[in-house]
C-alpha cells in the first residue's frame, strides 16, 4: 500500500490558480483560443484581398478574448446585410464557406478543435 499525504503550503488565490493553469487574462491559453478562432474564421469570411480576414491579427489584443476585424465593411460582411438594407452577395470562388455570421458558423464546426488546442496549451504549463 502506498499512502501519500500531499499538501500545498501557502496561500492559493484564484489568480494564482489561473496563472498556474495558464488561463489568466492574456495568458497562453486565452492567446491560443483567440488565435485558433481567428485562424479558423478565415475560411468563413468573404475573401477578395484577405484584408478583412487578416485584419484581426493586428487589430485584436490577442489574449483578451475579444477579436476585432478592422475594415469599414466588416459589420456588413458579418451580418450579410449592407447599410442600404440590400443583401451581401458572397462570392464562393476563394472561400466556399463565405457567408454571414462567420463566428457562429465557425464555432459550430470547430468548437472541439478550439477546446483541444486550449487543453494542449494548458497541459504544457
Protein backbone atom coordinates (compact mmCIF):
# COMPACT_ATOMS: atom_id res chain seq x y z
CA UNK A 1 0.00 0.00 0.00
CA UNK A 2 1.16 3.49 -0.84
CA UNK A 3 -0.15 6.30 1.30
CA UNK A 4 0.66 9.82 0.12
CA UNK A 5 0.00 12.93 2.12
CA UNK A 6 0.07 15.82 -0.33
CA UNK A 7 -0.33 19.30 0.96
CA UNK A 8 0.23 22.61 -0.69
CA UNK A 9 1.70 25.13 1.66
CA UNK A 10 0.96 28.78 1.18
CA UNK A 11 -1.98 30.79 0.04
CA UNK A 12 -3.70 29.90 -3.22
CA UNK A 13 -5.73 32.70 -4.66
CA UNK A 14 -7.97 32.32 -7.72
CA UNK A 15 -5.45 34.46 -9.60
CA UNK A 16 -2.59 32.13 -8.65
CA UNK A 17 -4.57 29.10 -9.83
CA UNK A 18 -5.41 30.85 -13.12
CA UNK A 19 -1.74 31.61 -13.68
CA UNK A 20 -0.72 28.06 -12.79
CA UNK A 21 -3.09 26.74 -15.47
CA UNK A 22 -2.28 29.50 -17.95
CA UNK A 23 -5.88 30.70 -18.14
CA UNK A 24 -5.42 34.22 -16.84
CA UNK A 25 -6.25 37.24 -18.98
CA UNK A 26 -3.63 37.42 -21.76
CA UNK A 27 -2.28 34.05 -20.64
CA UNK A 28 -1.14 31.35 -23.04
CA UNK A 29 -4.46 29.50 -23.09
CA UNK A 30 -6.53 32.58 -23.93
CA UNK A 31 -3.99 33.57 -26.57
CA UNK A 32 -4.25 30.10 -28.12
CA UNK A 33 -8.05 30.33 -28.15
CA UNK A 34 -8.01 33.78 -29.75
CA UNK A 35 -5.54 32.73 -32.43
CA UNK A 36 -7.39 29.48 -33.16
CA UNK A 37 -10.64 31.41 -33.62
CA UNK A 38 -9.00 33.90 -35.97
CA UNK A 39 -7.29 31.13 -37.94
CA UNK A 40 -10.45 29.03 -38.32
CA UNK A 41 -12.63 32.05 -39.15
CA UNK A 42 -10.52 32.93 -42.18
CA UNK A 43 -12.40 30.25 -44.14
CA UNK A 44 -15.80 31.75 -43.22
CA UNK A 45 -15.20 35.33 -44.34
CA UNK A 46 -15.71 36.54 -47.88
CA UNK A 47 -12.24 36.69 -49.36
CA UNK A 48 -11.01 39.00 -52.07
CA UNK A 49 -7.71 40.52 -50.96
CA UNK A 50 -7.71 38.98 -47.48
CA UNK A 51 -7.78 42.40 -45.82
CA UNK A 52 -10.88 41.63 -43.73
CA UNK A 53 -9.92 38.11 -42.67
CA UNK A 54 -6.36 39.10 -41.80
CA UNK A 55 -7.18 42.40 -40.06
CA UNK A 56 -7.88 40.59 -36.79
CA UNK A 57 -4.21 39.70 -36.32
CA UNK A 58 -3.19 43.34 -35.98
CA UNK A 59 -6.46 44.91 -34.72
CA UNK A 60 -7.09 42.46 -31.87
CA UNK A 61 -5.45 42.41 -28.47
CA UNK A 62 -4.58 38.71 -28.67
CA UNK A 63 -5.25 37.10 -25.31
CA UNK A 64 -8.04 39.47 -24.28
CA UNK A 65 -10.82 37.22 -25.54
CA UNK A 66 -12.03 39.95 -27.91
CA UNK A 67 -11.43 39.64 -31.64
CA UNK A 68 -11.60 42.82 -33.72
CA UNK A 69 -11.95 42.99 -37.50
CA UNK A 70 -10.89 46.44 -38.61
CA UNK A 71 -12.27 47.23 -42.04
CA UNK A 72 -15.05 49.67 -42.97
CA UNK A 73 -17.17 46.82 -44.33
CA UNK A 74 -16.61 44.20 -41.59
CA UNK A 75 -20.02 44.63 -39.95
CA UNK A 76 -21.88 44.39 -43.27
CA UNK A 77 -20.00 41.24 -44.20
CA UNK A 78 -20.62 39.77 -40.75
CA UNK A 79 -24.38 40.33 -40.89
CA UNK A 80 -24.76 39.76 -44.62
CA UNK A 81 -26.70 42.99 -45.00
CA UNK A 82 -25.39 46.21 -46.50
CA UNK A 83 -26.09 49.59 -44.90
CA UNK A 84 -28.77 50.25 -47.51
CA UNK A 85 -30.56 47.04 -46.44
CA UNK A 86 -29.65 45.00 -49.50
CA UNK A 87 -28.14 41.55 -49.01
CA UNK A 88 -24.43 40.93 -49.46
CA UNK A 89 -23.70 38.78 -52.49
CA UNK A 90 -20.93 36.47 -51.25
CA UNK A 91 -18.58 35.04 -53.84
CA UNK A 92 -17.54 31.49 -53.05
CA UNK A 93 -14.70 31.00 -55.52
CA UNK A 94 -11.93 31.64 -52.92
CA UNK A 95 -13.81 30.73 -49.73
CA UNK A 96 -16.67 28.29 -50.34
CA UNK A 97 -17.91 28.77 -46.75
CA UNK A 98 -18.11 32.58 -47.01
CA UNK A 99 -21.34 33.98 -45.66
CA UNK A 100 -22.97 35.82 -42.80
CA UNK A 101 -22.38 35.05 -39.13
CA UNK A 102 -18.88 33.61 -39.65
CA UNK A 103 -18.07 33.27 -35.95
CA UNK A 104 -21.18 31.32 -35.08
CA UNK A 105 -20.74 29.00 -38.06
CA UNK A 106 -17.04 28.52 -37.33
CA UNK A 107 -17.74 27.62 -33.69
CA UNK A 108 -20.40 25.11 -34.77
CA UNK A 109 -17.77 23.42 -36.95
CA UNK A 110 -14.62 23.85 -34.83
CA UNK A 111 -15.62 24.13 -31.18
CA UNK A 112 -13.93 20.83 -30.32
CA UNK A 113 -10.78 21.79 -32.26
CA UNK A 114 -10.52 25.03 -30.30
CA UNK A 115 -11.08 23.25 -26.99
CA UNK A 116 -8.43 20.67 -27.86
CA UNK A 117 -5.95 23.45 -28.64
CA UNK A 118 -6.74 25.11 -25.30
CA UNK A 119 -6.25 21.78 -23.49
CA UNK A 120 -2.98 21.19 -25.33
CA UNK A 121 -1.62 24.59 -24.29
CA UNK A 122 -2.92 24.26 -20.72
CA UNK A 123 -1.28 20.84 -20.43
CA UNK A 124 2.07 22.26 -21.40
CA UNK A 125 2.03 24.69 -18.48
